[in-house]
Amino acid sequence: MLGQEKLDRINYLANKKKNEGLTEEESIEQKELRDAYIKAFRKNFKSQLDHTDIIYKD
């Protein structure tokens, strides 16, 4: 997963976008951070599914 600093920055930019808007540089940074977050999430979720076994009751 991403570090806490990056998660805090994602949240800060999201709140700033709601309240006052973002500059062009901040919009680019927000997109890059979100892409990194989604990539890490998918990697972790895939790993979790790969290590999950389904057991049926017979």
N, C-alpha and C. Protein backbone atom coordinates (compact mmCIF):
# COMPACT_ATOMS: atom_id res chain seq x y z
N MET A 1 0.83 -1.18 0.00
CA MET A 1 0.00 0.00 0.00
C MET A 1 0.87 1.25 0.00
N LEU A 2 0.26 2.34 -0.21
CA LEU A 2 0.97 3.62 -0.20
C LEU A 2 1.27 4.04 1.23
N GLY A 3 2.27 4.86 1.37
CA GLY A 3 2.61 5.40 2.68
C GLY A 3 1.56 6.37 3.17
N GLN A 4 1.59 6.60 4.46
CA GLN A 4 0.59 7.50 5.08
C GLN A 4 0.70 8.92 4.55
N GLU A 5 1.92 9.36 4.22
CA GLU A 5 2.09 10.72 3.68
C GLU A 5 1.33 10.89 2.37
N LYS A 6 1.42 9.88 1.49
CA LYS A 6 0.73 9.98 0.20
C LYS A 6 -0.78 9.91 0.39
N LEU A 7 -1.25 9.07 1.30
CA LEU A 7 -2.68 9.01 1.57
C LEU A 7 -3.20 10.33 2.12
N ASP A 8 -2.42 10.92 3.02
CA ASP A 8 -2.80 12.23 3.56
C ASP A 8 -2.85 13.28 2.46
N ARG A 9 -1.90 13.22 1.55
CA ARG A 9 -1.87 14.19 0.44
C ARG A 9 -3.07 14.01 -0.48
N ILE A 10 -3.44 12.74 -0.76
CA ILE A 10 -4.63 12.47 -1.57
C ILE A 10 -5.86 13.09 -0.92
N ASN A 11 -6.01 12.89 0.38
CA ASN A 11 -7.16 13.44 1.10
C ASN A 11 -7.13 14.97 1.13
N TYR A 12 -5.95 15.54 1.32
CA TYR A 12 -5.82 16.99 1.33
C TYR A 12 -6.25 17.59 -0.02
N LEU A 13 -5.76 16.98 -1.10
CA LEU A 13 -6.11 17.49 -2.43
C LEU A 13 -7.60 17.32 -2.72
N ALA A 14 -8.19 16.23 -2.27
CA ALA A 14 -9.62 16.02 -2.48
C ALA A 14 -10.43 17.08 -1.75
N ASN A 15 -10.06 17.38 -0.50
CA ASN A 15 -10.76 18.41 0.26
C ASN A 15 -10.55 19.79 -0.35
N LYS A 16 -9.34 20.06 -0.80
CA LYS A 16 -9.05 21.36 -1.41
C LYS A 16 -9.85 21.53 -2.70
N LYS A 17 -9.96 20.45 -3.47
CA LYS A 17 -10.72 20.51 -4.72
C LYS A 17 -12.18 20.85 -4.44
N LYS A 18 -12.76 20.28 -3.39
CA LYS A 18 -14.15 20.56 -3.03
C LYS A 18 -14.34 22.02 -2.60
N ASN A 19 -13.39 22.51 -1.79
CA ASN A 19 -13.58 23.82 -1.16
C ASN A 19 -13.13 25.00 -2.01
N GLU A 20 -11.98 24.89 -2.64
CA GLU A 20 -11.46 26.07 -3.34
C GLU A 20 -10.94 25.81 -4.74
N GLY A 21 -10.83 24.56 -5.14
CA GLY A 21 -10.32 24.24 -6.46
C GLY A 21 -8.82 23.99 -6.44
N LEU A 22 -8.35 23.33 -7.48
CA LEU A 22 -6.94 22.98 -7.59
C LEU A 22 -6.27 23.73 -8.73
N THR A 23 -4.97 23.93 -8.57
CA THR A 23 -4.19 24.47 -9.67
C THR A 23 -3.93 23.34 -10.67
N GLU A 24 -3.41 23.69 -11.82
CA GLU A 24 -3.10 22.69 -12.84
C GLU A 24 -2.09 21.66 -12.32
N GLU A 25 -1.07 22.13 -11.59
CA GLU A 25 -0.04 21.23 -11.04
C GLU A 25 -0.64 20.30 -9.99
N GLU A 26 -1.54 20.82 -9.18
CA GLU A 26 -2.18 20.00 -8.15
C GLU A 26 -3.11 18.96 -8.78
N SER A 27 -3.77 19.32 -9.86
CA SER A 27 -4.64 18.36 -10.56
C SER A 27 -3.82 17.21 -11.12
N ILE A 28 -2.67 17.53 -11.69
CA ILE A 28 -1.79 16.49 -12.23
C ILE A 28 -1.27 15.60 -11.10
N GLU A 29 -0.86 16.23 -9.99
CA GLU A 29 -0.38 15.47 -8.83
C GLU A 29 -1.48 14.57 -8.29
N GLN A 30 -2.71 15.08 -8.21
CA GLN A 30 -3.83 14.29 -7.69
C GLN A 30 -4.06 13.07 -8.58
N LYS A 31 -4.02 13.24 -9.89
CA LYS A 31 -4.22 12.12 -10.81
C LYS A 31 -3.13 11.08 -10.64
N GLU A 32 -1.89 11.52 -10.52
CA GLU A 32 -0.77 10.58 -10.35
C GLU A 32 -0.90 9.81 -9.04
N LEU A 33 -1.27 10.51 -7.96
CA LEU A 33 -1.43 9.85 -6.67
C LEU A 33 -2.59 8.86 -6.70
N ARG A 34 -3.69 9.23 -7.32
CA ARG A 34 -4.84 8.32 -7.42
C ARG A 34 -4.48 7.09 -8.24
N ASP A 35 -3.75 7.28 -9.34
CA ASP A 35 -3.34 6.15 -10.17
C ASP A 35 -2.44 5.20 -9.38
N ALA A 36 -1.52 5.76 -8.60
CA ALA A 36 -0.64 4.93 -7.77
C ALA A 36 -1.44 4.18 -6.71
N TYR A 37 -2.43 4.85 -6.13
CA TYR A 37 -3.27 4.22 -5.11
C TYR A 37 -4.06 3.05 -5.71
N ILE A 38 -4.66 3.27 -6.86
CA ILE A 38 -5.45 2.22 -7.51
C ILE A 38 -4.56 1.05 -7.89
N LYS A 39 -3.37 1.32 -8.40
CA LYS A 39 -2.43 0.26 -8.77
C LYS A 39 -2.06 -0.57 -7.53
N ALA A 40 -1.76 0.08 -6.42
CA ALA A 40 -1.40 -0.63 -5.19
C ALA A 40 -2.59 -1.43 -4.66
N PHE A 41 -3.79 -0.83 -4.72
CA PHE A 41 -4.99 -1.52 -4.26
C PHE A 41 -5.23 -2.79 -5.06
N ARG A 42 -5.15 -2.68 -6.37
CA ARG A 42 -5.38 -3.85 -7.23
C ARG A 42 -4.35 -4.95 -6.97
N LYS A 43 -3.11 -4.55 -6.78
CA LYS A 43 -2.05 -5.52 -6.50
C LYS A 43 -2.33 -6.26 -5.19
N ASN A 44 -2.68 -5.52 -4.16
CA ASN A 44 -2.98 -6.14 -2.87
C ASN A 44 -4.24 -7.01 -2.93
N PHE A 45 -5.26 -6.56 -3.64
CA PHE A 45 -6.49 -7.32 -3.75
C PHE A 45 -6.26 -8.62 -4.52
N LYS A 46 -5.49 -8.54 -5.60
CA LYS A 46 -5.18 -9.74 -6.38
C LYS A 46 -4.40 -10.74 -5.52
N SER A 47 -3.46 -10.25 -4.75
CA SER A 47 -2.69 -11.12 -3.87
C SER A 47 -3.61 -11.79 -2.85
N GLN A 48 -4.54 -11.03 -2.31
CA GLN A 48 -5.48 -11.59 -1.35
C GLN A 48 -6.34 -12.68 -1.99
N LEU A 49 -6.82 -12.44 -3.21
CA LEU A 49 -7.62 -13.44 -3.90
C LEU A 49 -6.80 -14.67 -4.26
N ASP A 50 -5.55 -14.47 -4.63
CA ASP A 50 -4.69 -15.60 -4.97
C ASP A 50 -4.44 -16.52 -3.78
N HIS A 51 -4.53 -15.97 -2.58
CA HIS A 51 -4.28 -16.75 -1.38
C HIS A 51 -5.57 -17.15 -0.65
N THR A 52 -6.69 -17.07 -1.36
CA THR A 52 -7.98 -17.42 -0.78
C THR A 52 -8.42 -18.78 -1.34
N ASP A 53 -8.80 -19.67 -0.43
CA ASP A 53 -9.31 -20.97 -0.84
C ASP A 53 -10.79 -21.04 -0.52
N ILE A 54 -11.54 -21.62 -1.44
CA ILE A 54 -12.97 -21.79 -1.24
C ILE A 54 -13.20 -23.23 -0.80
N ILE A 55 -13.88 -23.38 0.32
CA ILE A 55 -14.14 -24.70 0.86
C ILE A 55 -15.66 -24.89 0.84
N TYR A 56 -16.07 -25.98 0.21
CA TYR A 56 -17.50 -26.29 0.13
C TYR A 56 -17.88 -27.30 1.21
N LYS A 57 -19.04 -27.10 1.80
CA LYS A 57 -19.58 -28.06 2.75
C LYS A 57 -20.29 -29.16 1.97
N ASP A 58 -19.93 -30.40 2.22
CA ASP A 58 -20.59 -31.51 1.51
C ASP A 58 -21.46 -32.29 2.44
